[in-house]
PDB file of N, CA and C in Angstrom:
ATOM      1  N   MET A   1     115.616 192.193 105.090  1.00  0.00           N
ATOM      2  CA  MET A   1     114.393 191.407 105.157  1.00  0.00           C
ATOM      3  C   MET A   1     114.683 189.995 105.667  1.00  0.00           C
ATOM      4  N   LYS A   2     115.833 189.433 105.253  1.00  0.00           N
ATOM      5  CA  LYS A   2     116.185 188.085 105.671  1.00  0.00           C
ATOM      6  C   LYS A   2     116.388 188.019 107.185  1.00  0.00           C
ATOM      7  N   ALA A   3     117.026 189.039 107.755  1.00  0.00           N
ATOM      8  CA  ALA A   3     117.245 189.057 109.200  1.00  0.00           C
ATOM      9  C   ALA A   3     115.916 189.083 109.947  1.00  0.00           C
ATOM     10  N   ARG A   4     114.939 189.814 109.421  1.00  0.00           N
ATOM     11  CA  ARG A   4     113.628 189.885 110.070  1.00  0.00           C
ATOM     12  C   ARG A   4     112.925 188.534 110.043  1.00  0.00           C
ATOM     13  N   ARG A   5     113.029 187.820 108.919  1.00  0.00           N
ATOM     14  CA  ARG A   5     112.404 186.508 108.805  1.00  0.00           C
ATOM     15  C   ARG A   5     113.059 185.526 109.785  1.00  0.00           C
ATOM     16  N   ASN A   6     114.392 185.595 109.909  1.00  0.00           N
ATOM     17  CA  ASN A   6     115.114 184.733 110.830  1.00  0.00           C
ATOM     18  C   ASN A   6     114.727 185.057 112.272  1.00  0.00           C
ATOM     19  N   ASP A   7     114.571 186.354 112.569  1.00  0.00           N
ATOM     20  CA  ASP A   7     114.165 186.783 113.898  1.00  0.00           C
ATOM     21  C   ASP A   7     112.765 186.260 114.227  1.00  0.00           C
ATOM     22  N   THR A   8     111.870 186.272 113.243  1.00  0.00           N
ATOM     23  CA  THR A   8     110.516 185.743 113.443  1.00  0.00           C
ATOM     24  C   THR A   8     110.568 184.245 113.723  1.00  0.00           C
ATOM     25  N   GLY A   9     111.407 183.508 113.000  1.00  0.00           N
ATOM     26  CA  GLY A   9     111.558 182.070 113.235  1.00  0.00           C
ATOM     27  C   GLY A   9     112.101 181.775 114.618  1.00  0.00           C
ATOM     28  N   ASN A  10     113.069 182.608 115.066  1.00  0.00           N
ATOM     29  CA  ASN A  10     113.619 182.436 116.414  1.00  0.00           C
ATOM     30  C   ASN A  10     112.551 182.674 117.470  1.00  0.00           C
ATOM     31  N   LYS A  11     111.801 183.763 117.309  1.00  0.00           N
ATOM     32  CA  LYS A  11     110.758 184.074 118.284  1.00  0.00           C
ATOM     33  C   LYS A  11     109.692 182.987 118.318  1.00  0.00           C
ATOM     34  N   LEU A  12     109.332 182.473 117.154  1.00  0.00           N
ATOM     35  CA  LEU A  12     108.336 181.401 117.091  1.00  0.00           C
ATOM     36  C   LEU A  12     108.844 180.150 117.800  1.00  0.00           C
ATOM     37  N   ALA A  13     110.071 179.762 117.509  1.00  0.00           N
ATOM     38  CA  ALA A  13     110.630 178.546 118.107  1.00  0.00           C
ATOM     39  C   ALA A  13     110.766 178.678 119.616  1.00  0.00           C
ATOM     40  N   TYR A  14     111.305 179.804 120.066  1.00  0.00           N
ATOM     41  CA  TYR A  14     111.456 179.996 121.506  1.00  0.00           C
ATOM     42  C   TYR A  14     110.094 180.143 122.188  1.00  0.00           C
ATOM     43  N   GLY A  15     109.168 180.830 121.559  1.00  0.00           N
ATOM     44  CA  GLY A  15     107.827 180.968 122.122  1.00  0.00           C
ATOM     45  C   GLY A  15     107.126 179.626 122.255  1.00  0.00           C
ATOM     46  N   LEU A  16     107.193 178.823 121.195  1.00  0.00           N
ATOM     47  CA  LEU A  16     106.596 177.484 121.254  1.00  0.00           C
ATOM     48  C   LEU A  16     107.260 176.631 122.332  1.00  0.00           C
ATOM     49  N   SER A  17     108.571 176.758 122.467  1.00  0.00           N
ATOM     50  CA  SER A  17     109.294 175.990 123.490  1.00  0.00           C
ATOM     51  C   SER A  17     108.826 176.362 124.888  1.00  0.00           C
ATOM     52  N   PHE A  18     108.707 177.678 125.151  1.00  0.00           N
ATOM     53  CA  PHE A  18     108.242 178.102 126.479  1.00  0.00           C
ATOM     54  C   PHE A  18     106.829 177.620 126.753  1.00  0.00           C
ATOM     55  N   VAL A  19     105.946 177.739 125.789  1.00  0.00           N
ATOM     56  CA  VAL A  19     104.565 177.280 125.975  1.00  0.00           C
ATOM     57  C   VAL A  19     104.538 175.768 126.195  1.00  0.00           C
ATOM     58  N   PHE A  20     105.275 175.025 125.377  1.00  0.00           N
ATOM     59  CA  PHE A  20     105.290 173.568 125.486  1.00  0.00           C
ATOM     60  C   PHE A  20     105.810 173.119 126.852  1.00  0.00           C
ATOM     61  N   PHE A  21     106.977 173.654 127.249  1.00  0.00           N
ATOM     62  CA  PHE A  21     107.546 173.231 128.529  1.00  0.00           C
ATOM     63  C   PHE A  21     106.706 173.718 129.705  1.00  0.00           C
ATOM     64  N   GLY A  22     106.100 174.886 129.587  1.00  0.00           N
ATOM     65  CA  GLY A  22     105.193 175.355 130.630  1.00  0.00           C
ATOM     66  C   GLY A  22     104.009 174.416 130.799  1.00  0.00           C
ATOM     67  N   LEU A  23     103.403 174.015 129.676  1.00  0.00           N
ATOM     68  CA  LEU A  23     102.291 173.058 129.735  1.00  0.00           C
ATOM     69  C   LEU A  23     102.744 171.710 130.275  1.00  0.00           C
ATOM     70  N   LEU A  24     103.924 171.282 129.857  1.00  0.00           N
ATOM     71  CA  LEU A  24     104.468 170.006 130.318  1.00  0.00           C
ATOM     72  C   LEU A  24     104.626 170.002 131.838  1.00  0.00           C
ATOM     73  N   PHE A  25     105.226 171.063 132.379  1.00  0.00           N
ATOM     74  CA  PHE A  25     105.428 171.141 133.823  1.00  0.00           C
ATOM     75  C   PHE A  25     104.106 171.307 134.566  1.00  0.00           C
ATOM     76  N   LEU A  26     103.170 172.075 133.999  1.00  0.00           N
ATOM     77  CA  LEU A  26     101.866 172.241 134.628  1.00  0.00           C
ATOM     78  C   LEU A  26     101.115 170.908 134.696  1.00  0.00           C
ATOM     79  N   LEU A  27     101.113 170.162 133.591  1.00  0.00           N
ATOM     80  CA  LEU A  27     100.452 168.854 133.588  1.00  0.00           C
ATOM     81  C   LEU A  27     101.102 167.902 134.582  1.00  0.00           C
ATOM     82  N   ASP A  28     102.420 168.011 134.738  1.00  0.00           N
ATOM     83  CA  ASP A  28     103.114 167.173 135.713  1.00  0.00           C
ATOM     84  C   ASP A  28     102.701 167.543 137.137  1.00  0.00           C
ATOM     85  N   ILE A  29     102.648 168.833 137.422  1.00  0.00           N
ATOM     86  CA  ILE A  29     102.240 169.290 138.760  1.00  0.00           C
ATOM     87  C   ILE A  29     100.807 168.866 139.066  1.00  0.00           C
ATOM     88  N   LEU A  30      99.950 168.901 138.049  1.00  0.00           N
ATOM     89  CA  LEU A  30      98.547 168.508 138.248  1.00  0.00           C
ATOM     90  C   LEU A  30      98.365 166.994 138.327  1.00  0.00           C
ATOM     91  N   GLY A  31      99.428 166.237 138.090  1.00  0.00           N
ATOM     92  CA  GLY A  31      99.361 164.783 138.217  1.00  0.00           C
ATOM     93  C   GLY A  31      98.832 164.062 136.994  1.00  0.00           C
ATOM     94  N   PHE A  32      98.739 164.760 135.866  1.00  0.00           N
ATOM     95  CA  PHE A  32      98.188 164.156 134.651  1.00  0.00           C
ATOM     96  C   PHE A  32      99.018 162.959 134.182  1.00  0.00           C
ATOM     97  N   PHE A  33     100.319 163.108 134.143  1.00  0.00           N
ATOM     98  CA  PHE A  33     101.179 162.025 133.649  1.00  0.00           C
ATOM     99  C   PHE A  33     101.203 160.842 134.619  1.00  0.00           C
ATOM    100  N   ARG A  34     101.113 161.143 135.905  1.00  0.00           N
ATOM    101  CA  ARG A  34     101.060 160.085 136.905  1.00  0.00           C
ATOM    102  C   ARG A  34      99.768 159.282 136.748  1.00  0.00           C
ATOM    103  N   ALA A  35      98.671 159.978 136.421  1.00  0.00           N
ATOM    104  CA  ALA A  35      97.370 159.325 136.279  1.00  0.00           C
ATOM    105  C   ALA A  35      97.341 158.348 135.112  1.00  0.00           C
ATOM    106  N   ILE A  36      98.069 158.662 134.052  1.00  0.00           N
ATOM    107  CA  ILE A  36      98.091 157.742 132.899  1.00  0.00           C
ATOM    108  C   ILE A  36      99.366 156.903 132.870  1.00  0.00           C
ATOM    109  N   ASN A  37     100.153 156.980 133.968  1.00  0.00           N
ATOM    110  CA  ASN A  37     101.310 156.114 134.193  1.00  0.00           C
ATOM    111  C   ASN A  37     102.428 156.282 133.148  1.00  0.00           C
ATOM    112  N   VAL A  38     102.689 157.515 132.733  1.00  0.00           N
ATOM    113  CA  VAL A  38     103.798 157.759 131.796  1.00  0.00           C
ATOM    114  C   VAL A  38     104.764 158.819 132.323  1.00  0.00           C
ATOM    115  N   GLU A  39     104.635 159.186 133.587  1.00  0.00           N
ATOM    116  CA  GLU A  39     105.441 160.264 134.151  1.00  0.00           C
ATOM    117  C   GLU A  39     106.935 160.015 134.003  1.00  0.00           C
ATOM    118  N   LYS A  40     107.382 158.801 134.281  1.00  0.00           N
ATOM    119  CA  LYS A  40     108.828 158.546 134.231  1.00  0.00           C
ATOM    120  C   LYS A  40     109.384 158.614 132.815  1.00  0.00           C
ATOM    121  N   TYR A  41     108.543 158.481 131.814  1.00  0.00           N
ATOM    122  CA  TYR A  41     109.007 158.587 130.425  1.00  0.00           C
ATOM    123  C   TYR A  41     108.925 160.025 129.915  1.00  0.00           C
ATOM    124  N   VAL A  42     107.789 160.664 130.138  1.00  0.00           N
ATOM    125  CA  VAL A  42     107.565 162.010 129.617  1.00  0.00           C
ATOM    126  C   VAL A  42     108.445 163.040 130.323  1.00  0.00           C
ATOM    127  N   MET A  43     108.607 162.916 131.624  1.00  0.00           N
ATOM    128  CA  MET A  43     109.323 163.930 132.394  1.00  0.00           C
ATOM    129  C   MET A  43     110.803 163.594 132.598  1.00  0.00           C
ATOM    130  N   ASP A  44     111.337 162.638 131.899  1.00  0.00           N
ATOM    131  CA  ASP A  44     112.766 162.332 131.979  1.00  0.00           C
ATOM    132  C   ASP A  44     113.535 163.486 131.338  1.00  0.00           C
ATOM    133  N   TRP A  45     114.501 164.032 132.057  1.00  0.00           N
ATOM    134  CA  TRP A  45     115.225 165.219 131.579  1.00  0.00           C
ATOM    135  C   TRP A  45     115.908 164.997 130.239  1.00  0.00           C
ATOM    136  N   ARG A  46     116.273 163.774 129.922  1.00  0.00           N
ATOM    137  CA  ARG A  46     116.950 163.504 128.648  1.00  0.00           C
ATOM    138  C   ARG A  46     116.009 163.736 127.463  1.00  0.00           C
ATOM    139  N   ASN A  47     114.725 163.634 127.698  1.00  0.00           N
ATOM    140  CA  ASN A  47     113.748 163.874 126.629  1.00  0.00           C
ATOM    141  C   ASN A  47     113.585 165.359 126.313  1.00  0.00           C
ATOM    142  N   TYR A  48     113.951 166.231 127.226  1.00  0.00           N
ATOM    143  CA  TYR A  48     113.784 167.669 126.995  1.00  0.00           C
ATOM    144  C   TYR A  48     114.538 168.118 125.746  1.00  0.00           C
ATOM    145  N   PHE A  49     115.716 167.554 125.524  1.00  0.00           N
ATOM    146  CA  PHE A  49     116.474 167.890 124.317  1.00  0.00           C
ATOM    147  C   PHE A  49     115.726 167.439 123.064  1.00  0.00           C
ATOM    148  N   ILE A  50     115.108 166.276 123.137  1.00  0.00           N
ATOM    149  CA  ILE A  50     114.342 165.767 121.991  1.00  0.00           C
ATOM    150  C   ILE A  50     113.134 166.661 121.732  1.00  0.00           C
ATOM    151  N   TYR A  51     112.409 167.023 122.785  1.00  0.00           N
ATOM    152  CA  TYR A  51     111.246 167.893 122.623  1.00  0.00           C
ATOM    153  C   TYR A  51     111.656 169.223 121.980  1.00  0.00           C
ATOM    154  N   ALA A  52     112.698 169.839 122.540  1.00  0.00           N
ATOM    155  CA  ALA A  52     113.146 171.138 122.013  1.00  0.00           C
ATOM    156  C   ALA A  52     113.648 170.994 120.574  1.00  0.00           C
ATOM    157  N   GLY A  53     114.353 169.909 120.282  1.00  0.00           N
ATOM    158  CA  GLY A  53     114.842 169.686 118.920  1.00  0.00           C
ATOM    159  C   GLY A  53     113.711 169.585 117.917  1.00  0.00           C
ATOM    160  N   ILE A  54     112.671 168.876 118.278  1.00  0.00           N
ATOM    161  CA  ILE A  54     111.519 168.738 117.378  1.00  0.00           C
ATOM    162  C   ILE A  54     110.832 170.086 117.170  1.00  0.00           C
ATOM    163  N   ILE A  55     110.674 170.846 118.247  1.00  0.00           N
ATOM    164  CA  ILE A  55     110.053 172.168 118.122  1.00  0.00           C
ATOM    165  C   ILE A  55     110.885 173.057 117.205  1.00  0.00           C
ATOM    166  N   PHE A  56     112.194 173.075 117.399  1.00  0.00           N
ATOM    167  CA  PHE A  56     113.051 173.940 116.584  1.00  0.00           C
ATOM    168  C   PHE A  56     113.116 173.466 115.135  1.00  0.00           C
ATOM    169  N   LEU A  57     113.070 172.160 114.916  1.00  0.00           N
ATOM    170  CA  LEU A  57     113.052 171.664 113.536  1.00  0.00           C
ATOM    171  C   LEU A  57     111.771 172.066 112.821  1.00  0.00           C
ATOM    172  N   CYS A  58     110.664 172.054 113.533  1.00  0.00           N
ATOM    173  CA  CYS A  58     109.377 172.397 112.921  1.00  0.00           C
ATOM    174  C   CYS A  58     109.178 173.901 112.766  1.00  0.00           C
ATOM    175  N   ALA A  59     109.690 174.693 113.703  1.00  0.00           N
ATOM    176  CA  ALA A  59     109.372 176.123 113.730  1.00  0.00           C
ATOM    177  C   ALA A  59     110.367 177.004 112.990  1.00  0.00           C
ATOM    178  N   LYS A  60     111.606 176.549 112.852  1.00  0.00           N
ATOM    179  CA  LYS A  60     112.619 177.404 112.233  1.00  0.00           C
ATOM    180  C   LYS A  60     112.971 176.926 110.840  1.00  0.00           C
ATOM    181  N   LYS A  61     113.256 177.874 109.987  1.00  0.00           N
ATOM    182  CA  LYS A  61     113.687 177.532 108.634  1.00  0.00           C
ATOM    183  C   LYS A  61     115.090 176.929 108.668  1.00  0.00           C
ATOM    184  N   GLU A  62     115.971 177.508 109.500  1.00  0.00           N
ATOM    185  CA  GLU A  62     117.311 176.953 109.659  1.00  0.00           C
ATOM    186  C   GLU A  62     117.229 175.804 110.663  1.00  0.00           C
ATOM    187  N   LYS A  63     117.681 174.649 110.288  1.00  0.00           N
ATOM    188  CA  LYS A  63     117.457 173.437 111.070  1.00  0.00           C
ATOM    189  C   LYS A  63     118.624 173.040 111.975  1.00  0.00           C
ATOM    190  N   ALA A  64     119.728 173.794 111.974  1.00  0.00           N
ATOM    191  CA  ALA A  64     120.937 173.372 112.677  1.00  0.00           C
ATOM    192  C   ALA A  64     120.712 173.170 114.169  1.00  0.00           C
ATOM    193  N   LEU A  65     120.142 174.155 114.860  1.00  0.00           N
ATOM    194  CA  LEU A  65     119.957 174.035 116.306  1.00  0.00           C
ATOM    195  C   LEU A  65     119.000 172.893 116.642  1.00  0.00           C
ATOM    196  N   GLY A  66     117.925 172.772 115.891  1.00  0.00           N
ATOM    197  CA  GLY A  66     116.987 171.673 116.128  1.00  0.00           C
ATOM    198  C   GLY A  66     117.634 170.323 115.941  1.00  0.00           C
ATOM    199  N   LEU A  67     118.468 170.216 114.915  1.00  0.00           N
ATOM    200  CA  LEU A  67     119.167 168.957 114.650  1.00  0.00           C
ATOM    201  C   LEU A  67     120.148 168.625 115.768  1.00  0.00           C
ATOM    202  N   VAL A  68     120.890 169.624 116.229  1.00  0.00           N
ATOM    203  CA  VAL A  68     121.850 169.413 117.317  1.00  0.00           C
ATOM    204  C   VAL A  68     121.130 168.979 118.584  1.00  0.00           C
ATOM    205  N   LEU A  69     120.052 169.662 118.948  1.00  0.00           N
ATOM    206  CA  LEU A  69     119.297 169.292 120.140  1.00  0.00           C
ATOM    207  C   LEU A  69     118.728 167.882 120.031  1.00  0.00           C
ATOM    208  N   LEU A  70     118.221 167.551 118.867  1.00  0.00           N
ATOM    209  CA  LEU A  70     117.652 166.216 118.655  1.00  0.00           C
ATOM    210  C   LEU A  70     118.724 165.135 118.760  1.00  0.00           C
ATOM    211  N   ILE A  71     119.876 165.365 118.162  1.00  0.00           N
ATOM    212  CA  ILE A  71     120.974 164.391 118.223  1.00  0.00           C
ATOM    213  C   ILE A  71     121.439 164.201 119.663  1.00  0.00           C
ATOM    214  N   ILE A  72     121.604 165.303 120.394  1.00  0.00           N
ATOM    215  CA  ILE A  72     122.021 165.194 121.796  1.00  0.00           C
ATOM    216  C   ILE A  72     120.985 164.407 122.589  1.00  0.00           C
ATOM    217  N   GLY A  73     119.712 164.699 122.388  1.00  0.00           N
ATOM    218  CA  GLY A  73     118.653 163.990 123.102  1.00  0.00           C
ATOM    219  C   GLY A  73     118.631 162.498 122.800  1.00  0.00           C
ATOM    220  N   VAL A  74     118.780 162.152 121.534  1.00  0.00           N
ATOM    221  CA  VAL A  74     118.775 160.730 121.150  1.00  0.00           C
ATOM    222  C   VAL A  74     119.982 160.015 121.753  1.00  0.00           C
ATOM    223  N   PHE A  75     121.136 160.647 121.686  1.00  0.00           N
ATOM    224  CA  PHE A  75     122.317 160.018 122.281  1.00  0.00           C
ATOM    225  C   PHE A  75     122.196 159.890 123.790  1.00  0.00           C
ATOM    226  N   LEU A  76     121.606 160.884 124.449  1.00  0.00           N
ATOM    227  CA  LEU A  76     121.395 160.785 125.892  1.00  0.00           C
ATOM    228  C   LEU A  76     120.450 159.638 126.225  1.00  0.00           C
ATOM    229  N   ARG A  77     119.410 159.467 125.434  1.00  0.00           N
ATOM    230  CA  ARG A  77     118.453 158.375 125.671  1.00  0.00           C
ATOM    231  C   ARG A  77     119.113 157.008 125.537  1.00  0.00           C
ATOM    232  N   PHE A  78     120.033 156.887 124.590  1.00  0.00           N
ATOM    233  CA  PHE A  78     120.626 155.582 124.316  1.00  0.00           C
ATOM    234  C   PHE A  78     122.039 155.422 124.858  1.00  0.00           C
ATOM    235  N   GLN A  79     122.491 156.349 125.682  1.00  0.00           N
ATOM    236  CA  GLN A  79     123.847 156.271 126.212  1.00  0.00           C
ATOM    237  C   GLN A  79     124.056 155.008 127.041  1.00  0.00           C
ATOM    238  N   GLY A  80     123.092 154.657 127.872  1.00  0.00           N
ATOM    239  CA  GLY A  80     123.219 153.440 128.683  1.00  0.00           C
ATOM    240  C   GLY A  80     123.285 152.196 127.828  1.00  0.00           C
ATOM    241  N   THR A  81     122.505 152.153 126.771  1.00  0.00           N
ATOM    242  CA  THR A  81     122.507 151.021 125.852  1.00  0.00           C
ATOM    243  C   THR A  81     123.852 150.910 125.147  1.00  0.00           C
ATOM    244  N   ILE A  82     124.355 152.038 124.693  1.00  0.00           N
ATOM    245  CA  ILE A  82     125.650 152.045 124.008  1.00  0.00           C
ATOM    246  C   ILE A  82     126.755 151.608 124.963  1.00  0.00           C
ATOM    247  N   SER A  83     126.730 152.144 126.187  1.00  0.00           N
ATOM    248  CA  SER A  83     127.762 151.802 127.169  1.00  0.00           C
ATOM    249  C   SER A  83     127.735 150.329 127.540  1.00  0.00           C
ATOM    250  N   SER A  84     126.546 149.736 127.600  1.00  0.00           N
ATOM    251  CA  SER A  84     126.470 148.323 127.980  1.00  0.00           C
ATOM    252  C   SER A  84     126.987 147.405 126.874  1.00  0.00           C
ATOM    253  N   TYR A  85     126.832 147.813 125.620  1.00  0.00           N
ATOM    254  CA  TYR A  85     127.333 147.000 124.521  1.00  0.00           C
ATOM    255  C   TYR A  85     128.809 147.245 124.230  1.00  0.00           C
ATOM    256  N   LEU A  86     129.264 148.444 124.503  1.00  0.00           N
ATOM    257  CA  LEU A  86     130.652 148.802 124.224  1.00  0.00           C
ATOM    258  C   LEU A  86     131.291 149.436 125.462  1.00  0.00           C
ATOM    259  N   PRO A  87     131.420 148.682 126.568  1.00  0.00           N
ATOM    260  CA  PRO A  87     131.901 149.303 127.804  1.00  0.00           C
ATOM    261  C   PRO A  87     133.311 149.873 127.689  1.00  0.00           C
ATOM    262  N   THR A  88     134.156 149.260 126.909  1.00  0.00           N
ATOM    263  CA  THR A  88     135.525 149.736 126.761  1.00  0.00           C
ATOM    264  C   THR A  88     135.577 151.070 126.029  1.00  0.00           C
ATOM    265  N   TYR A  89     134.657 151.275 125.103  1.00  0.00           N
ATOM    266  CA  TYR A  89     134.684 152.467 124.266  1.00  0.00           C
ATOM    267  C   TYR A  89     133.777 153.582 124.771  1.00  0.00           C
ATOM    268  N   SER A  90     133.084 153.381 125.894  1.00  0.00           N
ATOM    269  CA  SER A  90     132.126 154.379 126.364  1.00  0.00           C
ATOM    270  C   SER A  90     132.800 155.696 126.757  1.00  0.00           C
ATOM    271  N   VAL A  91     134.085 155.687 127.080  1.00  0.00           N
ATOM    272  CA  VAL A  91     134.783 156.932 127.423  1.00  0.00           C
ATOM    273  C   VAL A  91     134.917 157.843 126.205  1.00  0.00           C
ATOM    274  N   TYR A  92     134.804 157.289 125.017  1.00  0.00           N
ATOM    275  CA  TYR A  92     134.924 158.065 123.788  1.00  0.00           C
ATOM    276  C   TYR A  92     133.587 158.651 123.335  1.00  0.00           C
ATOM    277  N   PHE A  93     132.523 158.310 124.024  1.00  0.00           N
ATOM    278  CA  PHE A  93     131.178 158.680 123.592  1.00  0.00           C
ATOM    279  C   PHE A  93     131.009 160.185 123.400  1.00  0.00           C
ATOM    280  N   TRP A  94     131.259 160.982 124.444  1.00  0.00           N
ATOM    281  CA  TRP A  94     131.016 162.423 124.358  1.00  0.00           C
ATOM    282  C   TRP A  94     131.963 163.139 123.404  1.00  0.00           C
ATOM    283  N   PRO A  95     133.261 162.817 123.397  1.00  0.00           N
ATOM    284  CA  PRO A  95     134.116 163.477 122.398  1.00  0.00           C
ATOM    285  C   PRO A  95     133.688 163.173 120.961  1.00  0.00           C
ATOM    286  N   ILE A  96     133.312 161.943 120.694  1.00  0.00           N
ATOM    287  CA  ILE A  96     132.873 161.585 119.344  1.00  0.00           C
ATOM    288  C   ILE A  96     131.555 162.278 119.010  1.00  0.00           C
ATOM    289  N   LEU A  97     130.658 162.333 119.979  1.00  0.00           N
ATOM    290  CA  LEU A  97     129.391 163.043 119.768  1.00  0.00           C
ATOM    291  C   LEU A  97     129.640 164.510 119.439  1.00  0.00           C
ATOM    292  N   MET A  98     130.566 165.142 120.142  1.00  0.00           N
ATOM    293  CA  MET A  98     130.880 166.548 119.882  1.00  0.00           C
ATOM    294  C   MET A  98     131.472 166.736 118.488  1.00  0.00           C
ATOM    295  N   ILE A  99     132.332 165.834 118.075  1.00  0.00           N
ATOM    296  CA  ILE A  99     132.940 165.921 116.744  1.00  0.00           C
ATOM    297  C   ILE A  99     131.882 165.758 115.665  1.00  0.00           C
ATOM    298  N   ILE A 100     131.005 164.783 115.824  1.00  0.00           N
ATOM    299  CA  ILE A 100     129.942 164.548 114.838  1.00  0.00           C
ATOM    300  C   ILE A 100     128.998 165.749 114.769  1.00  0.00           C
ATOM    301  N   THR A 101     128.606 166.280 115.930  1.00  0.00           N
ATOM    302  CA  THR A 101     127.711 167.431 115.964  1.00  0.00           C
ATOM    303  C   THR A 101     128.363 168.644 115.299  1.00  0.00           C
ATOM    304  N   GLY A 102     129.622 168.896 115.619  1.00  0.00           N
ATOM    305  CA  GLY A 102     130.333 170.010 114.998  1.00  0.00           C
ATOM    306  C   GLY A 102     130.458 169.846 113.495  1.00  0.00           C
ATOM    307  N   ALA A 103     130.731 168.619 113.045  1.00  0.00           N
ATOM    308  CA  ALA A 103     130.845 168.360 111.609  1.00  0.00           C
ATOM    309  C   ALA A 103     129.513 168.606 110.903  1.00  0.00           C
ATOM    310  N   ILE A 104     128.427 168.184 111.520  1.00  0.00           N
ATOM    311  CA  ILE A 104     127.103 168.420 110.926  1.00  0.00           C
ATOM    312  C   ILE A 104     126.830 169.912 110.818  1.00  0.00           C
ATOM    313  N   LEU A 105     127.150 170.661 111.871  1.00  0.00           N
ATOM    314  CA  LEU A 105     126.945 172.111 111.827  1.00  0.00           C
ATOM    315  C   LEU A 105     127.794 172.758 110.733  1.00  0.00           C
ATOM    316  N   LEU A 106     129.042 172.338 110.623  1.00  0.00           N
ATOM    317  CA  LEU A 106     129.914 172.892 109.581  1.00  0.00           C
ATOM    318  C   LEU A 106     129.386 172.583 108.187  1.00  0.00           C
ATOM    319  N   ILE A 107     128.919 171.371 107.990  1.00  0.00           N
ATOM    320  CA  ILE A 107     128.363 170.993 106.688  1.00  0.00           C
ATOM    321  C   ILE A 107     127.143 171.842 106.354  1.00  0.00           C
ATOM    322  N   LEU A 108     126.281 172.050 107.352  1.00  0.00           N
ATOM    323  CA  LEU A 108     125.088 172.863 107.131  1.00  0.00           C
ATOM    324  C   LEU A 108     125.454 174.307 106.797  1.00  0.00           C
ATOM    325  N   VAL A 109     126.456 174.848 107.464  1.00  0.00           N
ATOM    326  CA  VAL A 109     126.871 176.236 107.205  1.00  0.00           C
ATOM    327  C   VAL A 109     127.538 176.346 105.835  1.00  0.00           C
ATOM    328  N   LEU A 110     128.422 175.398 105.516  1.00  0.00           N
ATOM    329  CA  LEU A 110     129.161 175.465 104.260  1.00  0.00           C
ATOM    330  C   LEU A 110     128.290 175.165 103.044  1.00  0.00           C
ATOM    331  N   ARG A 111     127.177 174.484 103.261  1.00  0.00           N
ATOM    332  CA  ARG A 111     126.269 174.153 102.171  1.00  0.00           C
ATOM    333  C   ARG A 111     125.560 175.373 101.628  1.00  0.00           C
ATOM    334  N   LYS A 112     125.443 176.416 102.426  1.00  0.00           N
ATOM    335  CA  LYS A 112     124.695 177.613 102.016  1.00  0.00           C
ATOM    336  C   LYS A 112     125.446 178.432 101.030  1.00  0.00           C
TER     337      LYS A 112
END
């Protein structure tokens, strides 16, 4: 029964993601975001991880994938800011991000 519930959560999350991104791209093609002058913010590829993370956090009972997507999206959004304040340490950004993300996933798995 647990596997079926997890499968339903996966289908819901992936289904919502496809509908959301389909609507997002359709509105972009129709010029909706350009008309309200937010196209460069809404359609920035770095935000896609944030959008998907929020959908997965809301739709799935298990939050690991949503959390990982959200963290990656937030770090991508602020990577330029981080690099400008810490230019010497910016080469460590992705390895540290991977370690933190992996540690969070391990903690979530081991907590169960």
